[in-house]
Amino acid sequence: MMSSFRPNSIEDEDQVMHILHRVATLCKSRGVEFNACYLQLTHACIPAPSRPNARRGGKCTVAQFIRFFPFTGDFGESEVNILVERYATKSGDVHFQAIHNDISQVMSTEPPPFPMSPLVLRPDHTEWSQANLHPLGKLRAKVVEKRMRMYEHFQDFDPLRKGFCTVGQVKSVLTILNLAKEINKADFERLAHSYMRDDGLFCYADFCRDVDMGFHQAGLEKNPLATVSMPDASTTQPARRNTISLTNDRRQRIALIEDQIRTRVRLRRMLIKPMFTDMDKVKKGFITRNQFARVMGNLGFQINEMEIGLLSGVYCNNGNHLDFNYNDFIKCVDPPDDEVQIAQQQANAPYQDYAPSQYHDGRGKVKSMPNAVSVYQ
């Protein structure tokens, strides 16, 4: 049927193409299938007087075409008549299947694009302290902080105990120990190159020995008089804190702001820590930058956004610009007295059992020493 039908020629072909493009656009935007509007006229199995054409012939009468036209409110009568004139058959009917085929050529059958919201990060030119730290130092500080042993995990991949493994197995061990997130790809390549043999194997024995230097000192049995210090807060500082590198000018401006806050806290004898702990529900010692601004506003401090940004450069020491370390801030602007510090040190000191006095008894009287010689003799 379609091979024998040819659309009629119209004087104004541009207007016909414009109408067809409008029909195609409306079908695409509204999800309308043009020939489905007329299938009930040609696909019915039961003969009906309203079907003068052959079943599935793709044709209908002019009245039926105008009645079932899906876009009567968007097209005028003259435009619909142009479609009727172009696709009219010799018997006076309208070939709606030919219209459907023509508008399907300009319609795209591809599914609509999936809605996406790509993440576009702002360029951050901040210099962090961990950027200049060797990846071995980062891992050593984190291992000391978590009190982990790495050697046994490497031995699971080395059944012959040769002290070597592949670089992929090193990644597996760091992932198992939850240390892979501490170093990036460039740091890992630098670390692998430092302990890699000529054949491409990684010497994990030397690596574990260097990491364990945070716990002990190698060759201590050869030097029995050496004094070994226990790991303290400074040993794990690189793993716990990642500060921003500041210029001297910014440090001076920050010191001036801290002096103003410290003076006001001391004069008014303000207790500021409970306000910060109310914001820290999980007791991590960090709050957001906006929460810090809210707390300072509730305490009556007139701090603008620029001053908050300067303070965040010092106390946002968790590797990002959001987490504000309010414990360090409180120690700076509201330092405890000497008596309080001594009490805290005594409370945190190791437990010592009660020892009776050597010179006084339970009633407070002076004890007499058995071997003491009287000064009057």
Protein backbone atom coordinates (compact mmCIF):
# COMPACT_ATOMS: atom_id res chain seq x y z
CA MET A 1 0.00 0.00 0.00
CA MET A 2 2.75 2.47 0.99
CA SER A 3 4.80 1.70 -2.08
CA SER A 4 1.91 2.75 -4.35
CA PHE A 5 0.87 5.90 -2.43
CA ARG A 6 2.63 9.19 -3.14
CA PRO A 7 1.71 12.42 -1.33
CA ASN A 8 0.20 15.11 -3.52
CA SER A 9 2.27 18.14 -4.42
CA ILE A 10 1.29 21.48 -2.85
CA GLU A 11 2.25 24.92 -4.16
CA ASP A 12 3.61 26.10 -0.80
CA GLU A 13 5.86 23.21 0.21
CA ASP A 14 7.52 25.26 2.96
CA GLN A 15 4.21 25.67 4.74
CA VAL A 16 3.54 21.94 4.51
CA MET A 17 6.98 21.15 5.99
CA HIS A 18 6.34 23.67 8.75
CA ILE A 19 3.04 22.01 9.63
CA LEU A 20 4.61 18.53 9.62
CA HIS A 21 7.42 19.71 11.90
CA ARG A 22 4.90 21.19 14.29
CA VAL A 23 2.95 17.92 14.34
CA ALA A 24 6.16 15.96 14.94
CA THR A 25 7.21 18.29 17.77
CA LEU A 26 3.84 18.02 19.48
CA CYS A 27 3.86 14.23 19.18
CA LYS A 28 7.34 14.08 20.73
CA SER A 29 6.70 16.53 23.56
CA ARG A 30 3.28 15.11 24.49
CA GLY A 31 4.10 11.46 23.88
CA VAL A 32 1.42 10.98 21.20
CA GLU A 33 1.64 8.29 18.57
CA PHE A 34 -0.12 9.74 15.55
CA ASN A 35 -1.39 6.57 13.89
CA ALA A 36 -2.70 5.22 17.23
CA CYS A 37 -5.43 7.89 17.10
CA TYR A 38 -6.96 6.19 14.06
CA LEU A 39 -6.31 2.50 14.74
CA GLN A 40 -9.77 1.99 16.15
CA LEU A 41 -11.14 2.82 12.68
CA THR A 42 -9.03 0.32 10.74
CA HIS A 43 -8.09 -2.47 13.19
CA ALA A 44 -11.50 -3.58 14.34
CA CYS A 45 -12.16 -7.27 13.48
CA ILE A 46 -15.92 -6.75 13.13
CA PRO A 47 -17.15 -5.09 9.89
CA ALA A 48 -18.73 -1.69 10.48
CA PRO A 49 -20.39 0.89 8.20
CA SER A 50 -17.91 3.48 9.44
CA ARG A 51 -15.04 1.55 7.85
CA PRO A 52 -15.37 1.94 4.08
CA ASN A 53 -11.68 1.08 3.52
CA ALA A 54 -9.86 -2.20 3.92
CA ARG A 55 -8.88 -3.38 7.38
CA ARG A 56 -5.35 -2.15 8.36
CA GLY A 57 -5.22 -0.08 5.20
CA GLY A 58 -4.00 3.07 6.97
CA LYS A 59 -6.78 5.23 5.46
CA CYS A 60 -9.89 6.94 6.75
CA THR A 61 -12.43 9.41 5.52
CA VAL A 62 -11.91 13.18 5.67
CA ALA A 63 -14.55 13.59 8.38
CA GLN A 64 -12.97 10.86 10.47
CA PHE A 65 -9.49 12.41 10.02
CA ILE A 66 -10.67 15.82 11.20
CA ARG A 67 -12.65 14.34 14.09
CA PHE A 68 -9.82 12.22 15.49
CA PHE A 69 -7.04 14.73 14.78
CA PRO A 70 -5.16 14.97 18.14
CA PHE A 71 -4.12 18.64 17.91
CA THR A 72 -7.29 20.48 16.96
CA GLY A 73 -6.59 23.24 19.48
CA ASP A 74 -3.09 23.90 18.08
CA PHE A 75 -3.92 23.99 14.36
CA GLY A 76 -6.42 26.03 12.43
CA GLU A 77 -8.96 24.68 9.95
CA SER A 78 -6.88 25.85 6.99
CA GLU A 79 -3.79 24.01 8.19
CA VAL A 80 -5.71 20.78 8.70
CA ASN A 81 -7.16 21.15 5.19
CA ILE A 82 -3.63 21.46 3.82
CA LEU A 83 -2.78 18.09 5.38
CA VAL A 84 -5.98 16.60 3.96
CA GLU A 85 -5.16 17.93 0.49
CA ARG A 86 -1.59 16.64 0.56
CA TYR A 87 -2.39 13.13 1.79
CA ALA A 88 -5.69 12.65 -0.06
CA THR A 89 -6.09 9.43 -2.06
CA LYS A 90 -7.83 8.98 -5.40
CA SER A 91 -10.93 7.70 -3.65
CA GLY A 92 -11.19 10.87 -1.54
CA ASP A 93 -9.86 9.40 1.72
CA VAL A 94 -6.89 10.55 3.85
CA HIS A 95 -3.82 8.36 4.23
CA PHE A 96 -2.96 8.94 7.94
CA GLN A 97 -0.31 6.20 7.90
CA ALA A 98 1.69 8.21 5.38
CA ILE A 99 1.52 11.23 7.72
CA HIS A 100 2.77 9.02 10.55
CA ASN A 101 5.68 7.78 8.44
CA ASP A 102 6.69 11.29 7.38
CA ILE A 103 6.72 12.74 10.89
CA SER A 104 8.51 9.64 12.24
CA GLN A 105 11.48 10.44 10.01
CA VAL A 106 12.13 13.71 11.85
CA MET A 107 11.33 12.36 15.31
CA SER A 108 14.17 10.85 17.33
CA THR A 109 13.56 7.36 18.68
CA GLU A 110 16.32 7.67 21.30
CA PRO A 111 15.18 7.83 24.94
CA PRO A 112 15.36 11.20 26.63
CA PRO A 113 18.62 11.97 28.41
CA PHE A 114 18.85 10.87 32.01
CA PRO A 115 18.75 13.87 34.37
CA MET A 116 22.15 14.40 35.92
CA SER A 117 23.73 16.86 38.28
CA PRO A 118 27.51 16.57 37.86
CA LEU A 119 29.67 17.52 40.81
CA VAL A 120 31.76 20.57 40.04
CA LEU A 121 34.18 21.37 42.83
CA ARG A 122 35.55 24.82 43.40
CA PRO A 123 39.30 25.13 42.92
CA ASP A 124 41.01 24.98 46.30
CA HIS A 125 44.44 26.61 46.36
CA THR A 126 44.91 25.99 50.09
CA GLU A 127 48.21 24.45 51.16
CA TRP A 128 47.79 21.74 53.80
CA SER A 129 50.42 20.46 56.16
CA GLN A 130 50.07 16.84 55.06
CA ALA A 131 50.92 17.77 51.47
CA ASN A 132 54.59 18.18 52.46
CA LEU A 133 54.62 15.04 54.62
CA HIS A 134 56.13 11.80 53.37
CA PRO A 135 53.52 9.03 52.92
CA LEU A 136 55.53 6.82 55.28
CA GLY A 137 55.11 9.44 58.00
CA LYS A 138 51.35 9.53 57.44
CA LEU A 139 51.04 5.76 57.72
CA ARG A 140 53.35 5.58 60.75
CA ALA A 141 51.30 8.18 62.62
CA LYS A 142 48.03 6.40 61.80
CA VAL A 143 49.43 2.99 62.79
CA VAL A 144 50.62 4.36 66.13
CA GLU A 145 47.27 6.01 66.70
CA LYS A 146 45.32 2.79 66.06
CA ARG A 147 47.94 0.48 67.65
CA MET A 148 47.97 -1.84 64.64
CA ARG A 149 50.32 -4.60 63.51
CA MET A 150 50.93 -4.76 59.77
CA TYR A 151 53.50 -7.55 59.49
CA GLU A 152 51.05 -10.42 60.04
CA HIS A 153 48.73 -9.15 57.32
CA PHE A 154 51.60 -9.11 54.81
CA GLN A 155 52.61 -12.63 55.80
CA ASP A 156 49.18 -13.90 54.69
CA PHE A 157 50.31 -13.11 51.12
CA ASP A 158 53.83 -14.51 51.65
CA PRO A 159 53.58 -18.22 52.58
CA LEU A 160 57.35 -18.77 52.08
CA ARG A 161 58.21 -15.82 54.37
CA LYS A 162 60.53 -14.19 51.84
CA GLY A 163 59.68 -10.66 52.93
CA PHE A 164 58.36 -9.64 49.49
CA CYS A 165 54.94 -9.32 47.87
CA THR A 166 53.37 -7.67 44.85
CA VAL A 167 52.20 -4.06 44.69
CA GLY A 168 48.59 -5.21 44.32
CA GLN A 169 48.89 -7.17 47.55
CA VAL A 170 50.16 -4.02 49.27
CA LYS A 171 46.97 -2.26 48.20
CA SER A 172 44.94 -5.15 49.59
CA VAL A 173 46.67 -4.96 52.97
CA LEU A 174 46.19 -1.20 53.21
CA THR A 175 42.52 -1.63 52.31
CA ILE A 176 42.04 -4.34 54.95
CA LEU A 177 43.63 -2.11 57.59
CA ASN A 178 41.54 0.88 56.43
CA LEU A 179 44.71 2.82 55.58
CA ALA A 180 44.21 3.20 51.83
CA LYS A 181 42.19 6.40 52.33
CA GLU A 182 45.07 8.06 54.17
CA ILE A 183 47.25 8.39 51.05
CA ASN A 184 46.35 9.27 47.48
CA LYS A 185 47.51 7.66 44.26
CA ALA A 186 50.65 9.79 43.93
CA ASP A 187 51.71 9.03 47.52
CA PHE A 188 51.16 5.31 46.99
CA GLU A 189 53.30 5.31 43.85
CA ARG A 190 56.00 7.18 45.72
CA LEU A 191 55.85 4.69 48.57
CA ALA A 192 55.90 1.69 46.24
CA HIS A 193 58.90 3.06 44.36
CA SER A 194 60.81 3.48 47.63
CA TYR A 195 60.52 -0.21 48.61
CA MET A 196 60.32 -1.85 45.18
CA ARG A 197 62.90 -4.34 44.02
CA ASP A 198 64.27 -4.47 40.47
CA ASP A 199 61.87 -7.28 39.56
CA GLY A 200 58.84 -5.27 40.72
CA LEU A 201 58.28 -6.92 44.12
CA PHE A 202 57.59 -4.85 47.22
CA CYS A 203 59.83 -5.40 50.27
CA TYR A 204 57.24 -5.34 53.01
CA ALA A 205 59.78 -6.40 55.66
CA ASP A 206 61.68 -3.11 55.38
CA PHE A 207 58.42 -1.21 55.11
CA CYS A 208 57.00 -2.71 58.32
CA ARG A 209 60.31 -2.12 60.10
CA ASP A 210 60.24 1.57 59.20
CA VAL A 211 56.59 1.89 60.19
CA ASP A 212 57.22 0.22 63.56
CA MET A 213 59.88 2.81 64.36
CA GLY A 214 57.04 4.79 65.94
CA PHE A 215 56.73 2.07 68.61
CA HIS A 216 60.32 1.04 69.33
CA GLN A 217 63.93 1.74 68.52
CA ALA A 218 65.86 -0.70 66.35
CA GLY A 219 69.00 -2.27 67.85
CA LEU A 220 68.03 -1.43 71.40
CA GLU A 221 69.60 -4.64 72.73
CA LYS A 222 73.02 -3.37 71.67
CA ASN A 223 72.65 -0.18 73.68
CA PRO A 224 71.21 -1.07 77.09
CA LEU A 225 71.70 2.46 78.48
CA ALA A 226 69.57 4.11 75.81
CA THR A 227 66.40 5.85 76.91
CA VAL A 228 63.28 5.20 74.84
CA SER A 229 60.32 7.57 75.02
CA MET A 230 56.77 6.32 74.67
CA PRO A 231 54.58 7.55 71.77
CA ASP A 232 52.76 10.71 72.73
CA ALA A 233 50.39 13.16 71.09
CA SER A 234 53.13 14.60 68.91
CA THR A 235 53.74 11.17 67.35
CA THR A 236 50.14 10.85 66.15
CA GLN A 237 49.75 14.54 65.32
CA PRO A 238 50.26 14.08 61.54
CA ALA A 239 47.47 11.48 61.43
CA ARG A 240 44.98 13.40 63.54
CA ARG A 241 45.47 16.96 62.28
CA ASN A 242 45.90 18.49 58.85
CA THR A 243 46.38 22.22 59.25
CA ILE A 244 46.42 25.06 56.74
CA SER A 245 49.69 26.81 55.93
CA LEU A 246 49.24 30.48 56.89
CA THR A 247 51.33 33.58 56.20
CA ASN A 248 52.76 35.78 58.95
CA ASP A 249 50.29 38.56 58.12
CA ARG A 250 47.30 36.27 58.61
CA ARG A 251 48.74 34.88 61.83
CA GLN A 252 49.09 38.38 63.26
CA ARG A 253 45.50 39.23 62.36
CA ILE A 254 44.28 35.97 63.90
CA ALA A 255 46.28 36.65 67.08
CA LEU A 256 44.62 40.09 67.37
CA ILE A 257 41.13 38.54 67.07
CA GLU A 258 42.00 35.90 69.68
CA ASP A 259 43.25 38.60 72.08
CA GLN A 260 39.98 40.51 71.75
CA ILE A 261 37.91 37.38 72.44
CA ARG A 262 40.19 36.31 75.31
CA THR A 263 39.94 39.73 76.96
CA ARG A 264 36.16 39.78 76.79
CA VAL A 265 35.85 36.25 78.13
CA ARG A 266 38.14 37.05 81.05
CA LEU A 267 36.47 40.35 81.94
CA ARG A 268 32.93 38.97 81.83
CA ARG A 269 33.95 35.58 83.29
CA MET A 270 32.01 33.76 80.56
CA LEU A 271 31.70 29.98 80.43
CA ILE A 272 31.71 29.30 76.69
CA LYS A 273 32.36 25.55 76.51
CA PRO A 274 28.77 24.37 77.23
CA MET A 275 27.52 26.34 74.23
CA PHE A 276 29.91 24.45 71.96
CA THR A 277 29.23 21.04 73.46
CA ASP A 278 25.50 21.52 72.89
CA MET A 279 26.24 21.74 69.16
CA ASP A 280 28.50 18.67 69.25
CA LYS A 281 25.95 15.87 69.73
CA VAL A 282 28.39 13.03 69.01
CA LYS A 283 31.19 14.52 71.17
CA LYS A 284 33.88 14.49 68.49
CA GLY A 285 35.37 17.84 69.41
CA PHE A 286 34.37 19.36 66.07
CA ILE A 287 31.44 21.47 64.95
CA THR A 288 30.70 23.04 61.60
CA ARG A 289 31.79 26.52 60.66
CA ASN A 290 28.20 27.78 60.61
CA GLN A 291 27.58 26.34 64.07
CA PHE A 292 30.65 28.20 65.35
CA ALA A 293 29.26 31.45 63.96
CA ARG A 294 25.91 30.77 65.65
CA VAL A 295 27.54 30.08 69.02
CA MET A 296 29.64 33.22 68.88
CA GLY A 297 26.55 35.24 67.96
CA ASN A 298 24.60 33.77 70.89
CA LEU A 299 27.47 34.63 73.25
CA GLY A 300 27.32 38.26 72.12
CA PHE A 301 30.52 38.45 70.05
CA GLN A 302 30.24 40.73 67.02
CA ILE A 303 32.32 38.65 64.61
CA ASN A 304 31.91 39.17 60.89
CA GLU A 305 32.38 36.63 58.13
CA MET A 306 35.97 37.69 57.41
CA GLU A 307 37.03 37.13 61.01
CA ILE A 308 35.32 33.74 61.06
CA GLY A 309 37.25 32.81 57.93
CA LEU A 310 40.53 33.83 59.56
CA LEU A 311 39.80 31.77 62.67
CA SER A 312 38.76 28.82 60.51
CA GLY A 313 42.19 28.91 58.89
CA VAL A 314 43.71 27.94 62.26
CA TYR A 315 41.06 25.74 63.88
CA CYS A 316 39.75 23.92 60.80
CA ASN A 317 42.58 21.41 61.19
CA ASN A 318 40.81 18.24 60.10
CA GLY A 319 41.78 18.45 56.45
CA ASN A 320 38.75 20.46 55.28
CA HIS A 321 37.20 23.92 55.60
CA LEU A 322 34.07 22.80 57.50
CA ASP A 323 35.06 21.01 60.75
CA PHE A 324 35.96 23.56 63.43
CA ASN A 325 38.01 22.30 66.39
CA TYR A 326 36.36 24.10 69.28
CA ASN A 327 38.51 22.37 71.94
CA ASP A 328 41.68 24.05 70.65
CA PHE A 329 39.79 27.32 70.33
CA ILE A 330 38.62 27.17 73.96
CA LYS A 331 42.15 26.35 75.17
CA CYS A 332 43.38 29.48 73.42
CA VAL A 333 40.72 32.04 74.38
CA ASP A 334 39.76 30.57 77.79
CA PRO A 335 42.84 28.77 79.17
CA PRO A 336 42.39 27.01 82.52
CA ASP A 337 44.11 28.25 85.66
CA ASP A 338 47.27 26.66 87.01
CA GLU A 339 45.38 24.94 89.81
CA VAL A 340 42.92 23.46 87.35
CA GLN A 341 45.74 22.16 85.16
CA ILE A 342 47.42 20.54 88.15
CA ALA A 343 44.12 18.93 89.15
CA GLN A 344 43.60 17.61 85.64
CA GLN A 345 47.10 16.16 85.55
CA GLN A 346 46.55 14.47 88.87
CA ALA A 347 43.19 13.10 87.76
CA ASN A 348 44.70 11.69 84.57
CA ALA A 349 47.82 10.33 86.26
CA PRO A 350 48.21 6.57 86.87
CA TYR A 351 46.60 5.18 90.00
CA GLN A 352 48.76 5.12 93.10
CA ASP A 353 47.84 3.15 96.18
CA TYR A 354 47.54 4.93 99.50
CA ALA A 355 50.80 5.12 101.41
CA PRO A 356 50.72 6.14 105.10
CA SER A 357 52.87 9.03 106.23
CA GLN A 358 56.34 8.23 107.50
CA TYR A 359 56.36 10.98 110.11
CA HIS A 360 52.80 11.16 111.47
CA ASP A 361 50.38 8.56 112.69
CA GLY A 362 46.64 8.34 112.01
CA ARG A 363 45.88 10.95 114.70
CA GLY A 364 48.39 13.43 113.35
CA LYS A 365 50.98 12.95 116.09
CA VAL A 366 54.66 12.73 115.29
CA LYS A 367 56.03 9.23 115.19
CA SER A 368 59.06 8.35 117.21
CA MET A 369 61.90 6.90 115.23
CA PRO A 370 63.50 3.85 116.86
CA ASN A 371 67.06 4.68 115.79
CA ALA A 372 66.74 8.41 116.22
CA VAL A 373 69.21 10.12 118.56
CA SER A 374 67.88 12.93 120.70
CA VAL A 375 69.49 16.30 120.21
CA TYR A 376 69.44 16.82 123.95
CA GLN A 377 71.68 13.84 124.68
